[in-house]
Full PDB file with SEQRES, HELIX, SHEET, SSBOND, CRYST1, ORIGX, SCALE, CONECT and MASTER records, all heavy atoms in Angstrom:
SEQRES   1 A   34  LYS ASN ASP LEU ILE ALA GLY GLY VAL PRO GLU SER HIS          
SEQRES   2 A   34  ILE TYR LEU ASP TYR ALA GLY PHE ARG THR LEU ASP SER          
SEQRES   3 A   34  VAL VAL ARG ALA LYS GLU ILE PHE                              
HELIX    1 AA1 ASN A    2  ALA A    6  1                                   5    
HELIX    2 AA2 GLU A   11  HIS A   13  5                                   3    
HELIX    3 AA3 THR A   23  GLU A   32  1                                  10    
CRYST1    1.000    1.000    1.000  90.00  90.00  90.00 P 1           1          
ORIGX1      1.000000  0.000000  0.000000        0.00000                         
ORIGX2      0.000000  1.000000  0.000000        0.00000                         
ORIGX3      0.000000  0.000000  1.000000        0.00000                         
SCALE1      1.000000  0.000000  0.000000        0.00000                         
SCALE2      0.000000  1.000000  0.000000        0.00000                         
SCALE3      0.000000  0.000000  1.000000        0.00000                         
ATOM      1  N   LYS A   1       3.686 110.807 253.136  1.00  0.00           N  
ATOM      2  CA  LYS A   1       3.534 112.228 252.854  1.00  0.00           C  
ATOM      3  C   LYS A   1       4.874 112.974 252.913  1.00  0.00           C  
ATOM      4  O   LYS A   1       5.213 113.720 251.952  1.00  0.00           O  
ATOM      5  CB  LYS A   1       2.562 112.854 253.818  1.00  0.00           C  
ATOM      6  CG  LYS A   1       2.294 114.401 253.527  1.00  0.00           C  
ATOM      7  CD  LYS A   1       1.506 115.025 254.610  1.00  0.00           C  
ATOM      8  CE  LYS A   1       2.308 115.342 255.820  1.00  0.00           C  
ATOM      9  NZ  LYS A   1       1.667 116.183 256.795  1.00  0.00           N  
ATOM     10  N   ASN A   2       5.615 112.743 253.943  1.00  0.00           N  
ATOM     11  CA  ASN A   2       6.896 113.464 254.087  1.00  0.00           C  
ATOM     12  C   ASN A   2       7.861 113.143 253.019  1.00  0.00           C  
ATOM     13  O   ASN A   2       8.525 114.050 252.547  1.00  0.00           O  
ATOM     14  CB  ASN A   2       7.462 113.090 255.508  1.00  0.00           C  
ATOM     15  CG  ASN A   2       6.725 113.568 256.653  1.00  0.00           C  
ATOM     16  OD1 ASN A   2       5.941 114.535 256.533  1.00  0.00           O  
ATOM     17  ND2 ASN A   2       6.875 113.006 257.881  1.00  0.00           N  
ATOM     18  N   ASP A   3       7.929 111.908 252.567  1.00  0.00           N  
ATOM     19  CA  ASP A   3       8.860 111.531 251.491  1.00  0.00           C  
ATOM     20  C   ASP A   3       8.318 111.964 250.133  1.00  0.00           C  
ATOM     21  O   ASP A   3       9.183 112.271 249.292  1.00  0.00           O  
ATOM     22  CB  ASP A   3       9.090 110.009 251.561  1.00  0.00           C  
ATOM     23  CG  ASP A   3      10.034 109.659 252.703  1.00  0.00           C  
ATOM     24  OD1 ASP A   3      10.857 110.458 253.079  1.00  0.00           O  
ATOM     25  OD2 ASP A   3       9.905 108.509 253.262  1.00  0.00           O  
ATOM     26  N   LEU A   4       7.026 111.971 249.986  1.00  0.00           N  
ATOM     27  CA  LEU A   4       6.447 112.576 248.736  1.00  0.00           C  
ATOM     28  C   LEU A   4       6.793 114.028 248.616  1.00  0.00           C  
ATOM     29  O   LEU A   4       7.201 114.539 247.529  1.00  0.00           O  
ATOM     30  CB  LEU A   4       4.965 112.338 248.690  1.00  0.00           C  
ATOM     31  CG  LEU A   4       4.528 110.900 248.427  1.00  0.00           C  
ATOM     32  CD1 LEU A   4       3.002 110.698 248.530  1.00  0.00           C  
ATOM     33  CD2 LEU A   4       4.919 110.395 247.027  1.00  0.00           C  
ATOM     34  N   ILE A   5       6.689 114.753 249.688  1.00  0.00           N  
ATOM     35  CA  ILE A   5       7.010 116.163 249.693  1.00  0.00           C  
ATOM     36  C   ILE A   5       8.456 116.413 249.415  1.00  0.00           C  
ATOM     37  O   ILE A   5       8.801 117.217 248.623  1.00  0.00           O  
ATOM     38  CB  ILE A   5       6.608 116.813 251.020  1.00  0.00           C  
ATOM     39  CG1 ILE A   5       5.077 116.850 251.213  1.00  0.00           C  
ATOM     40  CG2 ILE A   5       7.147 118.219 251.168  1.00  0.00           C  
ATOM     41  CD1 ILE A   5       4.626 117.270 252.635  1.00  0.00           C  
ATOM     42  N   ALA A   6       9.306 115.574 250.051  1.00  0.00           N  
ATOM     43  CA  ALA A   6      10.760 115.657 249.791  1.00  0.00           C  
ATOM     44  C   ALA A   6      11.077 115.375 248.285  1.00  0.00           C  
ATOM     45  O   ALA A   6      12.112 115.883 247.799  1.00  0.00           O  
ATOM     46  CB  ALA A   6      11.461 114.666 250.676  1.00  0.00           C  
ATOM     47  N   GLY A   7      10.204 114.576 247.666  1.00  0.00           N  
ATOM     48  CA  GLY A   7      10.396 114.238 246.243  1.00  0.00           C  
ATOM     49  C   GLY A   7       9.836 115.265 245.298  1.00  0.00           C  
ATOM     50  O   GLY A   7       9.881 115.057 244.054  1.00  0.00           O  
ATOM     51  N   GLY A   8       9.124 116.264 245.824  1.00  0.00           N  
ATOM     52  CA  GLY A   8       8.690 117.315 244.937  1.00  0.00           C  
ATOM     53  C   GLY A   8       7.163 117.353 244.751  1.00  0.00           C  
ATOM     54  O   GLY A   8       6.665 118.177 243.986  1.00  0.00           O  
ATOM     55  N   VAL A   9       6.407 116.563 245.514  1.00  0.00           N  
ATOM     56  CA  VAL A   9       4.940 116.572 245.372  1.00  0.00           C  
ATOM     57  C   VAL A   9       4.420 117.649 246.448  1.00  0.00           C  
ATOM     58  O   VAL A   9       4.728 117.456 247.572  1.00  0.00           O  
ATOM     59  CB  VAL A   9       4.278 115.207 245.667  1.00  0.00           C  
ATOM     60  CG1 VAL A   9       2.786 115.332 245.542  1.00  0.00           C  
ATOM     61  CG2 VAL A   9       4.830 114.192 244.735  1.00  0.00           C  
ATOM     62  N   PRO A  10       3.727 118.636 246.013  1.00  0.00           N  
ATOM     63  CA  PRO A  10       3.235 119.662 247.006  1.00  0.00           C  
ATOM     64  C   PRO A  10       2.292 119.059 248.024  1.00  0.00           C  
ATOM     65  O   PRO A  10       1.499 118.181 247.715  1.00  0.00           O  
ATOM     66  CB  PRO A  10       2.393 120.657 246.137  1.00  0.00           C  
ATOM     67  CG  PRO A  10       2.895 120.412 244.721  1.00  0.00           C  
ATOM     68  CD  PRO A  10       3.270 118.959 244.629  1.00  0.00           C  
ATOM     69  N   GLU A  11       2.473 119.492 249.250  1.00  0.00           N  
ATOM     70  CA  GLU A  11       1.639 119.004 250.377  1.00  0.00           C  
ATOM     71  C   GLU A  11       0.139 119.182 250.137  1.00  0.00           C  
ATOM     72  O   GLU A  11      -0.641 118.289 250.528  1.00  0.00           O  
ATOM     73  CB  GLU A  11       2.054 119.692 251.695  1.00  0.00           C  
ATOM     74  CG  GLU A  11       1.351 119.177 252.901  1.00  0.00           C  
ATOM     75  CD  GLU A  11       1.811 119.745 254.170  1.00  0.00           C  
ATOM     76  OE1 GLU A  11       2.652 120.688 254.126  1.00  0.00           O  
ATOM     77  OE2 GLU A  11       1.318 119.331 255.249  1.00  0.00           O  
ATOM     78  N   SER A  12      -0.214 120.263 249.469  1.00  0.00           N  
ATOM     79  CA  SER A  12      -1.565 120.540 249.186  1.00  0.00           C  
ATOM     80  C   SER A  12      -2.227 119.575 248.202  1.00  0.00           C  
ATOM     81  O   SER A  12      -3.441 119.507 248.077  1.00  0.00           O  
ATOM     82  CB  SER A  12      -1.777 121.951 248.636  1.00  0.00           C  
ATOM     83  OG  SER A  12      -1.100 122.120 247.431  1.00  0.00           O  
ATOM     84  N   HIS A  13      -1.378 118.741 247.549  1.00  0.00           N  
ATOM     85  CA  HIS A  13      -1.914 117.753 246.553  1.00  0.00           C  
ATOM     86  C   HIS A  13      -1.903 116.380 247.163  1.00  0.00           C  
ATOM     87  O   HIS A  13      -2.096 115.452 246.414  1.00  0.00           O  
ATOM     88  CB  HIS A  13      -1.138 117.822 245.276  1.00  0.00           C  
ATOM     89  CG  HIS A  13      -1.322 119.094 244.477  1.00  0.00           C  
ATOM     90  ND1 HIS A  13      -1.054 119.176 243.129  1.00  0.00           N  
ATOM     91  CD2 HIS A  13      -1.832 120.233 244.821  1.00  0.00           C  
ATOM     92  CE1 HIS A  13      -1.369 120.386 242.676  1.00  0.00           C  
ATOM     93  NE2 HIS A  13      -1.865 121.065 243.668  1.00  0.00           N  
ATOM     94  N   ILE A  14      -1.605 116.230 248.440  1.00  0.00           N  
ATOM     95  CA  ILE A  14      -1.514 114.966 249.077  1.00  0.00           C  
ATOM     96  C   ILE A  14      -2.579 114.834 250.094  1.00  0.00           C  
ATOM     97  O   ILE A  14      -2.798 115.679 250.966  1.00  0.00           O  
ATOM     98  CB  ILE A  14      -0.148 114.756 249.803  1.00  0.00           C  
ATOM     99  CG1 ILE A  14       1.002 114.903 248.804  1.00  0.00           C  
ATOM    100  CG2 ILE A  14      -0.065 113.382 250.413  1.00  0.00           C  
ATOM    101  CD1 ILE A  14       2.375 114.948 249.399  1.00  0.00           C  
ATOM    102  N   TYR A  15      -3.360 113.727 250.049  1.00  0.00           N  
ATOM    103  CA  TYR A  15      -4.453 113.466 250.949  1.00  0.00           C  
ATOM    104  C   TYR A  15      -4.254 112.180 251.697  1.00  0.00           C  
ATOM    105  O   TYR A  15      -3.842 111.170 251.054  1.00  0.00           O  
ATOM    106  CB  TYR A  15      -5.808 113.350 250.167  1.00  0.00           C  
ATOM    107  CG  TYR A  15      -6.190 114.686 249.602  1.00  0.00           C  
ATOM    108  CD1 TYR A  15      -5.589 115.169 248.426  1.00  0.00           C  
ATOM    109  CD2 TYR A  15      -7.161 115.517 250.189  1.00  0.00           C  
ATOM    110  CE1 TYR A  15      -5.966 116.393 247.899  1.00  0.00           C  
ATOM    111  CE2 TYR A  15      -7.455 116.739 249.676  1.00  0.00           C  
ATOM    112  CZ  TYR A  15      -6.925 117.198 248.528  1.00  0.00           C  
ATOM    113  OH  TYR A  15      -7.265 118.411 247.984  1.00  0.00           O  
ATOM    114  N   LEU A  16      -4.397 112.187 252.988  1.00  0.00           N  
ATOM    115  CA  LEU A  16      -4.020 111.023 253.809  1.00  0.00           C  
ATOM    116  C   LEU A  16      -5.227 110.280 254.298  1.00  0.00           C  
ATOM    117  O   LEU A  16      -6.203 110.846 254.806  1.00  0.00           O  
ATOM    118  CB  LEU A  16      -3.228 111.521 255.015  1.00  0.00           C  
ATOM    119  CG  LEU A  16      -1.910 112.256 254.691  1.00  0.00           C  
ATOM    120  CD1 LEU A  16      -1.116 112.484 255.963  1.00  0.00           C  
ATOM    121  CD2 LEU A  16      -1.046 111.579 253.689  1.00  0.00           C  
ATOM    122  N   ASP A  17      -5.210 108.991 254.073  1.00  0.00           N  
ATOM    123  CA  ASP A  17      -6.197 108.073 254.568  1.00  0.00           C  
ATOM    124  C   ASP A  17      -5.585 107.242 255.686  1.00  0.00           C  
ATOM    125  O   ASP A  17      -4.810 106.347 255.421  1.00  0.00           O  
ATOM    126  CB  ASP A  17      -6.713 107.173 253.413  1.00  0.00           C  
ATOM    127  CG  ASP A  17      -7.732 106.102 253.916  1.00  0.00           C  
ATOM    128  OD1 ASP A  17      -8.219 106.246 255.049  1.00  0.00           O  
ATOM    129  OD2 ASP A  17      -7.942 105.171 253.161  1.00  0.00           O  
ATOM    130  N   TYR A  18      -5.946 107.551 256.899  1.00  0.00           N  
ATOM    131  CA  TYR A  18      -5.358 106.908 258.037  1.00  0.00           C  
ATOM    132  C   TYR A  18      -5.977 105.573 258.395  1.00  0.00           C  
ATOM    133  O   TYR A  18      -5.546 104.860 259.309  1.00  0.00           O  
ATOM    134  CB  TYR A  18      -5.395 107.818 259.308  1.00  0.00           C  
ATOM    135  CG  TYR A  18      -4.602 109.057 259.166  1.00  0.00           C  
ATOM    136  CD1 TYR A  18      -5.238 110.248 258.853  1.00  0.00           C  
ATOM    137  CD2 TYR A  18      -3.202 109.050 259.322  1.00  0.00           C  
ATOM    138  CE1 TYR A  18      -4.513 111.451 258.792  1.00  0.00           C  
ATOM    139  CE2 TYR A  18      -2.470 110.216 259.219  1.00  0.00           C  
ATOM    140  CZ  TYR A  18      -3.152 111.420 258.927  1.00  0.00           C  
ATOM    141  OH  TYR A  18      -2.398 112.528 258.834  1.00  0.00           O  
ATOM    142  N   ALA A  19      -6.990 105.152 257.634  1.00  0.00           N  
ATOM    143  CA  ALA A  19      -7.740 103.939 258.031  1.00  0.00           C  
ATOM    144  C   ALA A  19      -7.683 102.902 256.891  1.00  0.00           C  
ATOM    145  O   ALA A  19      -8.570 102.127 256.720  1.00  0.00           O  
ATOM    146  CB  ALA A  19      -9.207 104.279 258.325  1.00  0.00           C  
ATOM    147  N   GLY A  20      -6.520 102.936 256.136  1.00  0.00           N  
ATOM    148  CA  GLY A  20      -6.337 101.975 255.140  1.00  0.00           C  
ATOM    149  C   GLY A  20      -5.695 100.691 255.689  1.00  0.00           C  
ATOM    150  O   GLY A  20      -4.552 100.334 255.356  1.00  0.00           O  
ATOM    151  N   PHE A  21      -6.395 100.010 256.540  1.00  0.00           N  
ATOM    152  CA  PHE A  21      -5.802  98.886 257.257  1.00  0.00           C  
ATOM    153  C   PHE A  21      -5.569  97.685 256.410  1.00  0.00           C  
ATOM    154  O   PHE A  21      -4.737  96.865 256.621  1.00  0.00           O  
ATOM    155  CB  PHE A  21      -6.725  98.486 258.452  1.00  0.00           C  
ATOM    156  CG  PHE A  21      -6.982  99.618 259.416  1.00  0.00           C  
ATOM    157  CD1 PHE A  21      -8.265 100.076 259.576  1.00  0.00           C  
ATOM    158  CD2 PHE A  21      -5.967 100.252 260.108  1.00  0.00           C  
ATOM    159  CE1 PHE A  21      -8.539 101.157 260.486  1.00  0.00           C  
ATOM    160  CE2 PHE A  21      -6.183 101.278 260.966  1.00  0.00           C  
ATOM    161  CZ  PHE A  21      -7.482 101.754 261.153  1.00  0.00           C  
ATOM    162  N   ARG A  22      -6.425  97.571 255.374  1.00  0.00           N  
ATOM    163  CA  ARG A  22      -6.302  96.525 254.388  1.00  0.00           C  
ATOM    164  C   ARG A  22      -6.491  97.066 252.977  1.00  0.00           C  
ATOM    165  O   ARG A  22      -7.008  98.168 252.841  1.00  0.00           O  
ATOM    166  CB  ARG A  22      -7.376  95.423 254.657  1.00  0.00           C  
ATOM    167  CG  ARG A  22      -7.346  94.763 255.970  1.00  0.00           C  
ATOM    168  CD  ARG A  22      -8.495  93.826 256.162  1.00  0.00           C  
ATOM    169  NE  ARG A  22      -8.641  92.913 255.006  1.00  0.00           N  
ATOM    170  CZ  ARG A  22      -9.832  92.348 254.665  1.00  0.00           C  
ATOM    171  NH1 ARG A  22     -10.919  92.561 255.298  1.00  0.00           N  
ATOM    172  NH2 ARG A  22      -9.861  91.571 253.643  1.00  0.00           N  
ATOM    173  N   THR A  23      -6.112  96.318 251.976  1.00  0.00           N  
ATOM    174  CA  THR A  23      -6.332  96.783 250.614  1.00  0.00           C  
ATOM    175  C   THR A  23      -7.780  97.050 250.290  1.00  0.00           C  
ATOM    176  O   THR A  23      -8.181  98.035 249.669  1.00  0.00           O  
ATOM    177  CB  THR A  23      -5.782  95.729 249.626  1.00  0.00           C  
ATOM    178  OG1 THR A  23      -4.402  95.459 249.929  1.00  0.00           O  
ATOM    179  CG2 THR A  23      -5.890  96.178 248.177  1.00  0.00           C  
ATOM    180  N   LEU A  24      -8.682  96.204 250.832  1.00  0.00           N  
ATOM    181  CA  LEU A  24     -10.093  96.424 250.660  1.00  0.00           C  
ATOM    182  C   LEU A  24     -10.543  97.792 251.252  1.00  0.00           C  
ATOM    183  O   LEU A  24     -11.250  98.550 250.605  1.00  0.00           O  
ATOM    184  CB  LEU A  24     -10.905  95.303 251.334  1.00  0.00           C  
ATOM    185  CG  LEU A  24     -12.437  95.352 251.209  1.00  0.00           C  
ATOM    186  CD1 LEU A  24     -12.989  93.875 251.134  1.00  0.00           C  
ATOM    187  CD2 LEU A  24     -13.107  96.064 252.327  1.00  0.00           C  
ATOM    188  N   ASP A  25     -10.074  98.088 252.430  1.00  0.00           N  
ATOM    189  CA  ASP A  25     -10.354  99.330 253.111  1.00  0.00           C  
ATOM    190  C   ASP A  25      -9.909 100.531 252.183  1.00  0.00           C  
ATOM    191  O   ASP A  25     -10.600 101.509 252.030  1.00  0.00           O  
ATOM    192  CB  ASP A  25      -9.733  99.403 254.444  1.00  0.00           C  
ATOM    193  CG  ASP A  25     -10.240  98.403 255.428  1.00  0.00           C  
ATOM    194  OD1 ASP A  25     -10.171  97.188 255.110  1.00  0.00           O  
ATOM    195  OD2 ASP A  25     -10.763  98.743 256.543  1.00  0.00           O  
ATOM    196  N   SER A  26      -8.715 100.380 251.691  1.00  0.00           N  
ATOM    197  CA  SER A  26      -8.057 101.447 250.916  1.00  0.00           C  
ATOM    198  C   SER A  26      -8.917 101.789 249.667  1.00  0.00           C  
ATOM    199  O   SER A  26      -9.161 102.988 249.380  1.00  0.00           O  
ATOM    200  CB  SER A  26      -6.664 101.122 250.567  1.00  0.00           C  
ATOM    201  OG  SER A  26      -5.823 101.010 251.699  1.00  0.00           O  
ATOM    202  N   VAL A  27      -9.256 100.841 248.920  1.00  0.00           N  
ATOM    203  CA  VAL A  27      -9.980 101.043 247.629  1.00  0.00           C  
ATOM    204  C   VAL A  27     -11.397 101.517 247.838  1.00  0.00           C  
ATOM    205  O   VAL A  27     -11.856 102.408 247.201  1.00  0.00           O  
ATOM    206  CB  VAL A  27      -9.876  99.828 246.730  1.00  0.00           C  
ATOM    207  CG1 VAL A  27      -8.483  99.498 246.318  1.00  0.00           C  
ATOM    208  CG2 VAL A  27     -10.584  98.633 247.319  1.00  0.00           C  
ATOM    209  N   VAL A  28     -12.017 100.949 248.882  1.00  0.00           N  
ATOM    210  CA  VAL A  28     -13.438 101.361 249.097  1.00  0.00           C  
ATOM    211  C   VAL A  28     -13.506 102.805 249.657  1.00  0.00           C  
ATOM    212  O   VAL A  28     -14.272 103.589 249.262  1.00  0.00           O  
ATOM    213  CB  VAL A  28     -14.115 100.407 250.077  1.00  0.00           C  
ATOM    214  CG1 VAL A  28     -15.499 100.927 250.462  1.00  0.00           C  
ATOM    215  CG2 VAL A  28     -14.262  98.956 249.463  1.00  0.00           C  
ATOM    216  N   ARG A  29     -12.520 103.109 250.538  1.00  0.00           N  
ATOM    217  CA  ARG A  29     -12.507 104.444 251.117  1.00  0.00           C  
ATOM    218  C   ARG A  29     -12.110 105.493 250.066  1.00  0.00           C  
ATOM    219  O   ARG A  29     -12.560 106.675 250.180  1.00  0.00           O  
ATOM    220  CB  ARG A  29     -11.526 104.499 252.309  1.00  0.00           C  
ATOM    221  CG  ARG A  29     -12.074 103.796 253.569  1.00  0.00           C  
ATOM    222  CD  ARG A  29     -11.049 103.757 254.673  1.00  0.00           C  
ATOM    223  NE  ARG A  29     -10.579 105.092 255.015  1.00  0.00           N  
ATOM    224  CZ  ARG A  29     -11.258 105.955 255.811  1.00  0.00           C  
ATOM    225  NH1 ARG A  29     -12.415 105.570 256.389  1.00  0.00           N  
ATOM    226  NH2 ARG A  29     -10.724 107.098 256.087  1.00  0.00           N  
ATOM    227  N   ALA A  30     -11.387 105.089 249.085  1.00  0.00           N  
ATOM    228  CA  ALA A  30     -11.013 106.067 247.968  1.00  0.00           C  
ATOM    229  C   ALA A  30     -12.353 106.538 247.324  1.00  0.00           C  
ATOM    230  O   ALA A  30     -12.435 107.681 246.862  1.00  0.00           O  
ATOM    231  CB  ALA A  30     -10.139 105.396 246.959  1.00  0.00           C  
ATOM    232  N   LYS A  31     -13.305 105.647 247.237  1.00  0.00           N  
ATOM    233  CA  LYS A  31     -14.592 106.013 246.624  1.00  0.00           C  
ATOM    234  C   LYS A  31     -15.566 106.641 247.679  1.00  0.00           C  
ATOM    235  O   LYS A  31     -16.073 107.717 247.428  1.00  0.00           O  
ATOM    236  CB  LYS A  31     -15.253 104.744 246.035  1.00  0.00           C  
ATOM    237  CG  LYS A  31     -16.613 105.024 245.437  1.00  0.00           C  
ATOM    238  CD  LYS A  31     -17.249 103.719 244.883  1.00  0.00           C  
ATOM    239  CE  LYS A  31     -18.588 103.998 244.256  1.00  0.00           C  
ATOM    240  NZ  LYS A  31     -19.178 102.744 243.689  1.00  0.00           N  
ATOM    241  N   GLU A  32     -15.746 106.043 248.786  1.00  0.00           N  
ATOM    242  CA  GLU A  32     -16.732 106.468 249.768  1.00  0.00           C  
ATOM    243  C   GLU A  32     -16.357 107.642 250.564  1.00  0.00           C  
ATOM    244  O   GLU A  32     -17.202 108.465 250.862  1.00  0.00           O  
ATOM    245  CB  GLU A  32     -17.066 105.322 250.674  1.00  0.00           C  
ATOM    246  CG  GLU A  32     -17.672 104.036 250.031  1.00  0.00           C  
ATOM    247  CD  GLU A  32     -18.927 104.321 249.319  1.00  0.00           C  
ATOM    248  OE1 GLU A  32     -19.711 105.233 249.741  1.00  0.00           O  
ATOM    249  OE2 GLU A  32     -19.202 103.660 248.305  1.00  0.00           O  
ATOM    250  N   ILE A  33     -15.092 107.812 250.829  1.00  0.00           N  
ATOM    251  CA  ILE A  33     -14.572 108.939 251.624  1.00  0.00           C  
ATOM    252  C   ILE A  33     -14.086 110.090 250.685  1.00  0.00           C  
ATOM    253  O   ILE A  33     -14.416 111.262 250.953  1.00  0.00           O  
ATOM    254  CB  ILE A  33     -13.500 108.589 252.631  1.00  0.00           C  
ATOM    255  CG1 ILE A  33     -14.063 107.463 253.591  1.00  0.00           C  
ATOM    256  CG2 ILE A  33     -12.996 109.744 253.445  1.00  0.00           C  
ATOM    257  CD1 ILE A  33     -15.303 107.872 254.379  1.00  0.00           C  
ATOM    258  N   PHE A  34     -13.274 109.705 249.740  1.00  0.00           N  
ATOM    259  CA  PHE A  34     -12.631 110.752 248.925  1.00  0.00           C  
ATOM    260  C   PHE A  34     -13.346 110.953 247.538  1.00  0.00           C  
ATOM    261  O   PHE A  34     -12.912 111.765 246.717  1.00  0.00           O  
ATOM    262  CB  PHE A  34     -11.158 110.351 248.671  1.00  0.00           C  
ATOM    263  CG  PHE A  34     -10.326 110.290 249.909  1.00  0.00           C  
ATOM    264  CD1 PHE A  34     -10.187 109.175 250.641  1.00  0.00           C  
ATOM    265  CD2 PHE A  34      -9.714 111.479 250.325  1.00  0.00           C  
ATOM    266  CE1 PHE A  34      -9.456 109.106 251.805  1.00  0.00           C  
ATOM    267  CE2 PHE A  34      -8.917 111.422 251.512  1.00  0.00           C  
ATOM    268  CZ  PHE A  34      -8.799 110.266 252.233  1.00  0.00           C  
TER     269      PHE A  34                                                      
MASTER        0    0    0    3    0    0    0    6  268    1    0    3          
END                                                                             
């Protein structure tokens, strides 16, 4: 997030998933949580 903001992406357009422990977790949570 910090480096994306430094690169010009607004903080309000960034969403953090703190439980992406594995690739499977990341893709499933993109659907089920987000």
